[in-house]
Amino acid sequence: MRMPEKISVLLVDDHNLVRRGFRRILEDEPDIVVAGEAGDGAEAIRLADELRPKVIVMDCAMPGMNGLEATRQILSVPLWPAKTSASRDLALQATTAR
């Protein structure tokens, strides 16, 4: 019997303590794996391209490139398969809403 694929998550926050807290919570879930961690927006963009996680938990208020700008840049590149385009469109609308 084939095991279901785990949900890969990228954690992005400029505070290490926050990332560690999320990691500990998520690691208790059998169907979730923390694929990586980033401490700023630029690193988030690089890791999103490299790791291609299914979910990104992004801090919006980081110094330098904030989470909203990093999310805009991540969503502007076709990282995910077409089957998630509806979710991608919703996320894009949320980050560009005024």
C-alpha atoms as a PDB file:
ATOM      1  CA  MET A   1       0.000   0.000   0.000  1.00  0.00           C
ATOM      2  CA  ARG A   2       1.355   3.402  -0.991  1.00  0.00           C
ATOM      3  CA  MET A   3       1.852   5.928   1.797  1.00  0.00           C
ATOM      4  CA  PRO A   4       0.306   9.349   1.178  1.00  0.00           C
ATOM      5  CA  GLU A   5       2.768  12.085   0.300  1.00  0.00           C
ATOM      6  CA  LYS A   6       3.641  14.347   3.210  1.00  0.00           C
ATOM      7  CA  ILE A   7       2.822  18.037   3.071  1.00  0.00           C
ATOM      8  CA  SER A   8       6.095  19.948   2.792  1.00  0.00           C
ATOM      9  CA  VAL A   9       6.261  23.285   4.606  1.00  0.00           C
ATOM     10  CA  LEU A  10       8.707  26.182   4.405  1.00  0.00           C
ATOM     11  CA  LEU A  11       8.830  28.370   7.523  1.00  0.00           C
ATOM     12  CA  VAL A  12       9.771  32.032   7.031  1.00  0.00           C
ATOM     13  CA  ASP A  13      10.269  34.406   9.959  1.00  0.00           C
ATOM     14  CA  ASP A  14      13.089  36.691  11.030  1.00  0.00           C
ATOM     15  CA  HIS A  15      12.803  35.401  14.612  1.00  0.00           C
ATOM     16  CA  ASN A  16      14.454  32.029  15.145  1.00  0.00           C
ATOM     17  CA  LEU A  17      12.316  31.375  18.231  1.00  0.00           C
ATOM     18  CA  VAL A  18       9.112  31.717  16.188  1.00  0.00           C
ATOM     19  CA  ARG A  19      10.416  29.343  13.499  1.00  0.00           C
ATOM     20  CA  ARG A  20      11.438  26.814  16.161  1.00  0.00           C
ATOM     21  CA  GLY A  21       7.985  27.025  17.744  1.00  0.00           C
ATOM     22  CA  PHE A  22       6.211  26.405  14.448  1.00  0.00           C
ATOM     23  CA  ARG A  23       8.631  23.573  13.642  1.00  0.00           C
ATOM     24  CA  ARG A  24       7.933  21.811  16.947  1.00  0.00           C
ATOM     25  CA  ILE A  25       4.176  22.094  16.449  1.00  0.00           C
ATOM     26  CA  LEU A  26       4.285  20.895  12.839  1.00  0.00           C
ATOM     27  CA  GLU A  27       6.700  18.025  13.492  1.00  0.00           C
ATOM     28  CA  ASP A  28       4.062  16.442  15.739  1.00  0.00           C
ATOM     29  CA  GLU A  29       1.833  15.972  12.683  1.00  0.00           C
ATOM     30  CA  PRO A  30       2.524  12.689  10.881  1.00  0.00           C
ATOM     31  CA  ASP A  31       1.522  14.010   7.457  1.00  0.00           C
ATOM     32  CA  ILE A  32       3.639  17.202   7.585  1.00  0.00           C
ATOM     33  CA  VAL A  33       7.368  17.667   7.061  1.00  0.00           C
ATOM     34  CA  VAL A  34       9.219  20.960   7.544  1.00  0.00           C
ATOM     35  CA  ALA A  35      11.290  21.161   4.375  1.00  0.00           C
ATOM     36  CA  GLY A  36      13.232  24.258   5.363  1.00  0.00           C
ATOM     37  CA  GLU A  37      13.453  27.571   7.185  1.00  0.00           C
ATOM     38  CA  ALA A  38      14.271  31.079   6.038  1.00  0.00           C
ATOM     39  CA  GLY A  39      15.070  34.157   8.090  1.00  0.00           C
ATOM     40  CA  ASP A  40      14.244  36.786   5.463  1.00  0.00           C
ATOM     41  CA  GLY A  41      12.339  37.364   2.243  1.00  0.00           C
ATOM     42  CA  ALA A  42      15.278  36.859  -0.107  1.00  0.00           C
ATOM     43  CA  GLU A  43      16.125  33.510   1.472  1.00  0.00           C
ATOM     44  CA  ALA A  44      12.441  32.542   1.295  1.00  0.00           C
ATOM     45  CA  ILE A  45      12.401  33.145  -2.460  1.00  0.00           C
ATOM     46  CA  ARG A  46      15.548  31.083  -2.952  1.00  0.00           C
ATOM     47  CA  LEU A  47      14.305  28.188  -0.793  1.00  0.00           C
ATOM     48  CA  ALA A  48      10.832  28.220  -2.349  1.00  0.00           C
ATOM     49  CA  ASP A  49      12.440  27.726  -5.752  1.00  0.00           C
ATOM     50  CA  GLU A  50      14.873  25.099  -4.473  1.00  0.00           C
ATOM     51  CA  LEU A  51      12.538  23.092  -2.205  1.00  0.00           C
ATOM     52  CA  ARG A  52       9.165  23.694  -3.893  1.00  0.00           C
ATOM     53  CA  PRO A  53       7.130  23.288  -0.699  1.00  0.00           C
ATOM     54  CA  LYS A  54       3.387  22.753  -0.805  1.00  0.00           C
ATOM     55  CA  VAL A  55       2.872  25.350   1.967  1.00  0.00           C
ATOM     56  CA  ILE A  56       4.824  28.438   3.006  1.00  0.00           C
ATOM     57  CA  VAL A  57       4.215  29.940   6.450  1.00  0.00           C
ATOM     58  CA  MET A  58       5.370  33.526   5.886  1.00  0.00           C
ATOM     59  CA  ASP A  59       5.887  36.364   8.362  1.00  0.00           C
ATOM     60  CA  CYS A  60       4.554  39.548   6.735  1.00  0.00           C
ATOM     61  CA  ALA A  61       6.548  42.020   8.834  1.00  0.00           C
ATOM     62  CA  MET A  62      10.230  41.238   8.366  1.00  0.00           C
ATOM     63  CA  PRO A  63      13.026  43.788   7.952  1.00  0.00           C
ATOM     64  CA  GLY A  64      14.449  44.167   4.481  1.00  0.00           C
ATOM     65  CA  MET A  65      12.195  42.396   2.018  1.00  0.00           C
ATOM     66  CA  ASN A  66       8.959  41.799   3.914  1.00  0.00           C
ATOM     67  CA  GLY A  67       6.815  38.695   3.584  1.00  0.00           C
ATOM     68  CA  LEU A  68       4.264  40.306   1.290  1.00  0.00           C
ATOM     69  CA  GLU A  69       6.888  41.272  -1.284  1.00  0.00           C
ATOM     70  CA  ALA A  70       8.543  37.854  -1.016  1.00  0.00           C
ATOM     71  CA  THR A  71       5.142  36.203  -1.531  1.00  0.00           C
ATOM     72  CA  ARG A  72       4.461  38.367  -4.595  1.00  0.00           C
ATOM     73  CA  GLN A  73       7.800  37.329  -6.096  1.00  0.00           C
ATOM     74  CA  ILE A  74       7.313  33.651  -5.257  1.00  0.00           C
ATOM     75  CA  LEU A  75       3.846  33.660  -6.829  1.00  0.00           C
ATOM     76  CA  SER A  76       5.118  35.393  -9.974  1.00  0.00           C
ATOM     77  CA  VAL A  77       7.206  32.318 -10.833  1.00  0.00           C
ATOM     78  CA  PRO A  78       5.400  29.107 -11.840  1.00  0.00           C
ATOM     79  CA  LEU A  79       6.692  26.949  -8.973  1.00  0.00           C
ATOM     80  CA  TRP A  80       3.623  24.806  -8.463  1.00  0.00           C
ATOM     81  CA  PRO A  81       1.761  22.475 -10.814  1.00  0.00           C
ATOM     82  CA  ALA A  82      -1.259  23.846 -12.694  1.00  0.00           C
ATOM     83  CA  LYS A  83      -3.683  21.913 -10.485  1.00  0.00           C
ATOM     84  CA  THR A  84      -3.053  24.446  -7.700  1.00  0.00           C
ATOM     85  CA  SER A  85      -3.592  27.502  -9.892  1.00  0.00           C
ATOM     86  CA  ALA A  86      -6.909  28.379  -8.200  1.00  0.00           C
ATOM     87  CA  SER A  87      -5.202  28.481  -4.806  1.00  0.00           C
ATOM     88  CA  ARG A  88      -2.324  30.411  -6.317  1.00  0.00           C
ATOM     89  CA  ASP A  89      -4.744  32.950  -7.801  1.00  0.00           C
ATOM     90  CA  LEU A  90      -6.466  33.390  -4.445  1.00  0.00           C
ATOM     91  CA  ALA A  91      -3.143  33.908  -2.691  1.00  0.00           C
ATOM     92  CA  LEU A  92      -2.104  36.437  -5.334  1.00  0.00           C
ATOM     93  CA  GLN A  93      -5.369  38.329  -4.906  1.00  0.00           C
ATOM     94  CA  ALA A  94      -4.871  38.388  -1.136  1.00  0.00           C
ATOM     95  CA  THR A  95      -1.364  39.818  -1.424  1.00  0.00           C
ATOM     96  CA  THR A  96      -2.380  42.498  -3.937  1.00  0.00           C
ATOM     97  CA  ALA A  97      -5.620  43.563  -2.224  1.00  0.00           C
ATOM     98  CA  ARG A  98      -5.759  47.173  -1.134  1.00  0.00           C
END
